[in-house]
Amino acid sequence: MNEILQAMAEATRLVFSLDRDLIEISLRSLRITLSAVVIASAIGLPMGAWLAVHNFRGHRAFIIVINALMGLPPVVVGLFVYLMFSRTGPFGVFGLLFTPTAMILAQVFILVPLIASISYQVMRDLWAEYADLLNALDASRTQQIKTLLHDGRSGLLTASLAGFGRGIGEVGAIMIVGGNIDHATRVLTTAITLETSRGDFSLALALGMIHVIINENLYDHQFVDTWTVGFEELRQHIQAYTPEKVEEITWVPKEKIRWAAEVYAEAKPGCIPW
């Protein structure tokens, strides 16, 4: 319980002190999501109105496909955008991977089906009310769509807001195409994912120090050979905990991890149980 209260107190302090990193990440999140919502709305809202006033062969199947795409896993979208904009992909020449632009594109792919589906539901009900009048006035399809978009703007706003809610909470796709790069592509959701994945700080630091001590032969070989069991298993286990990896987990600079390990190894007697 104390840890939760401390975390809430620290969060409150960061918000009210206008922490620079927090403000930067929040503004980047809003910029990326709002850009994606604007683009997706420009595509999805007219698409929903067009589907409402047009009845063509395959219309029902098209609606089913759009509704199905609403449930498309964001990770699949992220992988698709990654392949398209990777160095070997067809659009790799633009160098957009791991940039906010790629994150916006990924969100647009996710949001267009959602916004189009909701707008279609709104426009369909409105079209049922306006169809006879607009046809009697001999309005063109473009005029009909414009009229529906104007009179149904409150319902269409709901569609865009739903898209914003989906986009601001997105993590899977933008993690893949953005990379969660500090001061470049890190947004609120990816920052939360990073913070919650840090795990046990003390254990990670200990394993990182052991990694340095073993791999740089700073331990007492005679003592280990005589008095320890399972040393080879320990050696294999700590290979994944390089100072660079531990720095990602704990935010402790790798130079300080190496320095602490060297200082600890020189202190005799000393041990880190495992």
Protein backbone atom coordinates (compact mmCIF):
# COMPACT_ATOMS: atom_id res chain seq x y z
CA MET A 1 0.00 0.00 0.00
CA ASN A 2 2.86 2.37 0.81
CA GLU A 3 4.36 1.81 -2.63
CA ILE A 4 1.06 2.77 -4.27
CA LEU A 5 0.80 5.93 -2.20
CA GLN A 6 4.40 6.84 -2.95
CA ALA A 7 3.81 6.28 -6.66
CA MET A 8 0.69 8.50 -6.59
CA ALA A 9 2.57 11.20 -4.70
CA GLU A 10 5.42 11.09 -7.21
CA ALA A 11 2.97 11.23 -10.13
CA THR A 12 1.24 14.24 -8.58
CA ARG A 13 4.58 15.96 -8.09
CA LEU A 14 5.56 15.39 -11.72
CA VAL A 15 2.25 16.79 -12.98
CA PHE A 16 2.17 19.92 -10.84
CA SER A 17 5.88 20.63 -11.24
CA LEU A 18 5.42 20.50 -15.04
CA ASP A 19 8.18 17.94 -15.41
CA ARG A 20 9.95 18.54 -18.73
CA ASP A 21 9.96 14.90 -19.84
CA LEU A 22 6.32 14.41 -18.89
CA ILE A 23 5.22 17.52 -20.80
CA GLU A 24 7.29 16.50 -23.82
CA ILE A 25 5.83 12.99 -23.92
CA SER A 26 2.27 14.25 -23.38
CA LEU A 27 2.49 16.85 -26.14
CA ARG A 28 4.00 14.31 -28.54
CA SER A 29 1.17 11.88 -27.75
CA LEU A 30 -1.46 14.52 -28.45
CA ARG A 31 0.25 15.69 -31.65
CA ILE A 32 0.51 12.17 -33.08
CA THR A 33 -3.00 11.09 -32.11
CA LEU A 34 -4.71 14.32 -33.20
CA SER A 35 -2.90 14.19 -36.55
CA ALA A 36 -4.02 10.60 -37.05
CA VAL A 37 -7.62 11.44 -36.06
CA VAL A 38 -7.77 14.37 -38.49
CA ILE A 39 -6.47 12.25 -41.38
CA ALA A 40 -8.64 9.25 -40.49
CA SER A 41 -11.73 11.47 -40.14
CA ALA A 42 -11.05 13.07 -43.53
CA ILE A 43 -11.13 9.55 -44.99
CA GLY A 44 -13.62 7.74 -42.78
CA LEU A 45 -16.43 10.32 -42.44
CA PRO A 46 -17.00 10.84 -46.19
CA MET A 47 -16.61 7.09 -46.69
CA GLY A 48 -19.41 6.42 -44.20
CA ALA A 49 -21.67 8.98 -45.88
CA TRP A 50 -20.87 7.58 -49.34
CA LEU A 51 -21.73 4.07 -48.21
CA ALA A 52 -25.00 5.32 -46.76
CA VAL A 53 -26.25 6.88 -50.03
CA HIS A 54 -24.83 4.31 -52.47
CA ASN A 55 -26.22 0.82 -52.88
CA PHE A 56 -23.97 -1.25 -55.13
CA ARG A 57 -23.18 -4.90 -55.69
CA GLY A 58 -21.06 -6.10 -52.79
CA HIS A 59 -22.24 -3.26 -50.55
CA ARG A 60 -23.11 -5.59 -47.68
CA ALA A 61 -19.80 -7.46 -47.99
CA PHE A 62 -17.91 -4.15 -47.96
CA ILE A 63 -19.63 -3.12 -44.74
CA ILE A 64 -18.79 -6.49 -43.19
CA VAL A 65 -15.13 -6.05 -44.13
CA ILE A 66 -15.00 -2.58 -42.55
CA ASN A 67 -16.61 -3.86 -39.36
CA ALA A 68 -14.18 -6.78 -39.29
CA LEU A 69 -11.20 -4.44 -39.69
CA MET A 70 -12.29 -2.69 -36.50
CA GLY A 71 -11.13 -5.80 -34.65
CA LEU A 72 -7.80 -6.07 -36.46
CA PRO A 73 -5.03 -6.51 -33.85
CA PRO A 74 -2.90 -3.34 -33.70
CA VAL A 75 0.24 -5.47 -33.67
CA VAL A 76 -0.69 -6.77 -37.13
CA VAL A 77 -1.09 -3.20 -38.38
CA GLY A 78 2.24 -2.27 -36.83
CA LEU A 79 3.95 -5.21 -38.48
CA PHE A 80 2.43 -4.30 -41.87
CA VAL A 81 3.60 -0.68 -41.62
CA TYR A 82 7.00 -1.86 -40.40
CA LEU A 83 7.43 -4.13 -43.43
CA MET A 84 6.32 -1.38 -45.80
CA PHE A 85 8.75 1.20 -44.43
CA SER A 86 11.67 -1.00 -43.39
CA ARG A 87 14.92 -0.63 -45.29
CA THR A 88 14.05 -3.54 -47.59
CA GLY A 89 10.37 -2.54 -47.92
CA PRO A 90 8.83 -0.74 -50.89
CA PHE A 91 8.77 2.60 -49.06
CA GLY A 92 12.04 2.18 -47.15
CA VAL A 93 13.68 4.88 -49.26
CA PHE A 94 11.68 7.54 -47.41
CA GLY A 95 13.33 6.66 -44.08
CA LEU A 96 10.11 7.04 -42.09
CA LEU A 97 10.50 4.01 -39.83
CA PHE A 98 10.94 4.89 -36.14
CA THR A 99 9.59 8.41 -36.68
CA PRO A 100 6.36 10.11 -35.55
CA THR A 101 5.19 10.00 -39.18
CA ALA A 102 5.23 6.20 -39.19
CA MET A 103 3.33 6.20 -35.90
CA ILE A 104 0.67 8.50 -37.39
CA LEU A 105 0.31 6.25 -40.44
CA ALA A 106 -0.11 3.17 -38.23
CA GLN A 107 -2.82 4.91 -36.22
CA VAL A 108 -4.59 6.04 -39.40
CA PHE A 109 -4.82 2.41 -40.57
CA ILE A 110 -6.33 1.49 -37.20
CA LEU A 111 -8.76 4.42 -36.94
CA VAL A 112 -10.21 4.61 -40.47
CA PRO A 113 -12.37 1.44 -40.13
CA LEU A 114 -13.63 2.55 -36.72
CA ILE A 115 -14.57 6.06 -37.81
CA ALA A 116 -16.03 4.87 -41.13
CA SER A 117 -18.17 2.24 -39.41
CA ILE A 118 -19.60 4.63 -36.81
CA SER A 119 -20.20 7.37 -39.39
CA TYR A 120 -21.96 4.86 -41.65
CA GLN A 121 -24.37 3.98 -38.85
CA VAL A 122 -25.10 7.69 -38.29
CA MET A 123 -25.43 8.50 -41.99
CA ARG A 124 -27.62 5.47 -42.69
CA ASP A 125 -30.22 6.57 -40.15
CA LEU A 126 -30.03 10.14 -41.44
CA TRP A 127 -30.32 9.00 -45.05
CA ALA A 128 -33.49 7.07 -44.27
CA GLU A 129 -34.99 10.38 -43.11
CA TYR A 130 -33.61 12.62 -45.88
CA ALA A 131 -33.62 10.31 -48.92
CA ASP A 132 -37.05 11.20 -50.30
CA LEU A 133 -36.52 14.93 -49.83
CA LEU A 134 -33.07 15.01 -51.42
CA ASN A 135 -34.19 12.87 -54.33
CA ALA A 136 -37.24 15.10 -54.86
CA LEU A 137 -34.92 18.10 -55.01
CA ASP A 138 -32.85 16.23 -57.60
CA ALA A 139 -29.71 16.74 -55.50
CA SER A 140 -26.52 15.22 -56.84
CA ARG A 141 -24.65 12.54 -54.90
CA THR A 142 -22.07 15.09 -53.83
CA GLN A 143 -24.77 17.45 -52.57
CA GLN A 144 -26.49 14.60 -50.75
CA ILE A 145 -23.26 13.60 -49.01
CA LYS A 146 -22.49 17.22 -48.05
CA THR A 147 -26.01 17.62 -46.63
CA LEU A 148 -25.72 14.46 -44.57
CA LEU A 149 -22.29 15.42 -43.26
CA HIS A 150 -23.56 18.86 -42.25
CA ASP A 151 -26.76 17.75 -40.54
CA GLY A 152 -25.14 14.73 -38.91
CA ARG A 153 -22.10 16.58 -37.58
CA SER A 154 -22.92 15.89 -33.92
CA GLY A 155 -22.98 12.14 -34.55
CA LEU A 156 -19.84 12.38 -36.69
CA LEU A 157 -18.10 14.20 -33.85
CA THR A 158 -18.80 11.14 -31.74
CA ALA A 159 -17.10 8.99 -34.37
CA SER A 160 -13.99 11.20 -34.31
CA LEU A 161 -13.94 11.23 -30.50
CA ALA A 162 -14.15 7.44 -30.50
CA GLY A 163 -11.18 7.43 -32.86
CA PHE A 164 -9.25 9.72 -30.54
CA GLY A 165 -9.96 7.46 -27.57
CA ARG A 166 -8.74 4.45 -29.53
CA GLY A 167 -5.66 6.24 -30.80
CA ILE A 168 -4.47 7.83 -27.56
CA GLY A 169 -4.49 4.43 -25.87
CA GLU A 170 -2.71 2.60 -28.69
CA VAL A 171 0.57 0.91 -27.82
CA GLY A 172 1.17 -2.23 -29.92
CA ALA A 173 1.44 -0.73 -33.39
CA ILE A 174 3.27 2.44 -32.42
CA MET A 175 5.74 0.47 -30.31
CA ILE A 176 6.68 -1.53 -33.41
CA VAL A 177 6.95 1.36 -35.87
CA GLY A 178 8.09 4.03 -33.39
CA GLY A 179 10.58 2.09 -31.31
CA ASN A 180 9.87 4.04 -28.08
CA ILE A 181 12.94 6.24 -28.65
CA ASP A 182 13.50 8.77 -25.89
CA HIS A 183 12.97 12.40 -27.00
CA ALA A 184 11.88 11.18 -30.45
CA THR A 185 9.00 8.67 -30.52
CA ARG A 186 8.22 7.96 -26.87
CA VAL A 187 4.56 8.63 -26.08
CA LEU A 188 2.39 8.12 -23.00
CA THR A 189 1.44 4.50 -23.65
CA THR A 190 4.94 3.35 -24.58
CA ALA A 191 6.39 5.22 -21.59
CA ILE A 192 3.90 3.45 -19.30
CA THR A 193 4.86 0.11 -20.85
CA LEU A 194 8.53 0.87 -20.26
CA GLU A 195 8.02 1.91 -16.65
CA THR A 196 5.89 -1.10 -15.73
CA SER A 197 8.37 -3.51 -17.33
CA ARG A 198 11.33 -2.38 -15.26
CA GLY A 199 10.76 -5.08 -12.64
CA ASP A 200 12.99 -5.64 -9.61
CA PHE A 201 15.60 -2.87 -9.59
CA SER A 202 17.80 -4.37 -6.91
CA LEU A 203 17.88 -7.82 -8.54
CA ALA A 204 18.67 -6.35 -11.96
CA LEU A 205 21.49 -4.24 -10.50
CA ALA A 206 22.93 -7.23 -8.66
CA LEU A 207 22.87 -9.38 -11.80
CA GLY A 208 24.45 -6.59 -13.80
CA MET A 209 27.28 -6.25 -11.27
CA ILE A 210 27.79 -10.02 -11.23
CA HIS A 211 27.96 -9.95 -15.03
CA VAL A 212 30.83 -7.46 -14.89
CA ILE A 213 32.64 -9.26 -12.08
CA ILE A 214 32.51 -12.69 -13.76
CA ASN A 215 33.21 -11.62 -17.34
CA GLU A 216 36.13 -9.41 -16.31
CA ASN A 217 37.57 -12.09 -13.99
CA LEU A 218 37.32 -9.91 -10.90
CA TYR A 219 36.25 -12.77 -8.60
CA ASP A 220 38.29 -15.06 -6.35
CA HIS A 221 38.77 -18.18 -8.49
CA GLN A 222 40.15 -20.29 -5.64
CA PHE A 223 37.21 -19.48 -3.36
CA VAL A 224 34.67 -20.18 -6.12
CA ASP A 225 36.27 -23.51 -7.05
CA THR A 226 36.45 -24.62 -3.43
CA TRP A 227 33.30 -23.36 -1.78
CA THR A 228 30.59 -22.74 -4.38
CA VAL A 229 28.08 -24.89 -6.30
CA GLY A 230 26.30 -23.94 -9.54
CA PHE A 231 28.80 -21.30 -10.64
CA GLU A 232 28.59 -22.28 -14.33
CA GLU A 233 24.79 -22.03 -14.19
CA LEU A 234 25.18 -18.55 -12.71
CA ARG A 235 27.64 -17.61 -15.45
CA GLN A 236 25.13 -18.62 -18.11
CA HIS A 237 22.23 -16.89 -16.36
CA ILE A 238 23.87 -13.48 -16.07
CA GLN A 239 24.98 -13.28 -19.71
CA ALA A 240 21.67 -11.62 -20.60
CA TYR A 241 22.17 -8.93 -17.93
CA THR A 242 24.78 -6.77 -19.61
CA PRO A 243 25.30 -3.28 -18.14
CA GLU A 244 23.53 -1.90 -21.21
CA LYS A 245 20.48 -4.10 -20.57
CA VAL A 246 20.42 -3.30 -16.86
CA GLU A 247 20.60 0.41 -17.73
CA GLU A 248 17.37 0.01 -19.73
CA ILE A 249 15.69 -1.70 -16.76
CA THR A 250 16.88 0.57 -13.97
CA TRP A 251 17.99 3.78 -15.69
CA VAL A 252 21.29 3.49 -13.82
CA PRO A 253 24.07 4.45 -16.30
CA LYS A 254 26.12 1.46 -17.46
CA GLU A 255 29.33 3.26 -16.50
CA LYS A 256 28.17 3.47 -12.87
CA ILE A 257 27.18 -0.20 -12.90
CA ARG A 258 30.68 -1.17 -14.05
CA TRP A 259 32.26 1.20 -11.53
CA ALA A 260 30.18 -0.21 -8.65
CA ALA A 261 31.04 -3.77 -9.69
CA GLU A 262 34.76 -3.01 -9.81
CA VAL A 263 34.71 -1.23 -6.43
CA TYR A 264 32.74 -4.11 -4.89
CA ALA A 265 35.09 -6.72 -6.35
CA GLU A 266 38.12 -4.97 -4.86
CA ALA A 267 36.54 -4.96 -1.38
CA LYS A 268 37.52 -8.09 0.54
CA PRO A 269 35.79 -10.01 1.92
CA GLY A 270 32.53 -9.54 -0.03
CA CYS A 271 29.87 -11.62 -1.77
CA ILE A 272 26.58 -11.35 -3.65
CA PRO A 273 24.50 -14.49 -2.85
CA TRP A 274 22.56 -16.12 -5.71
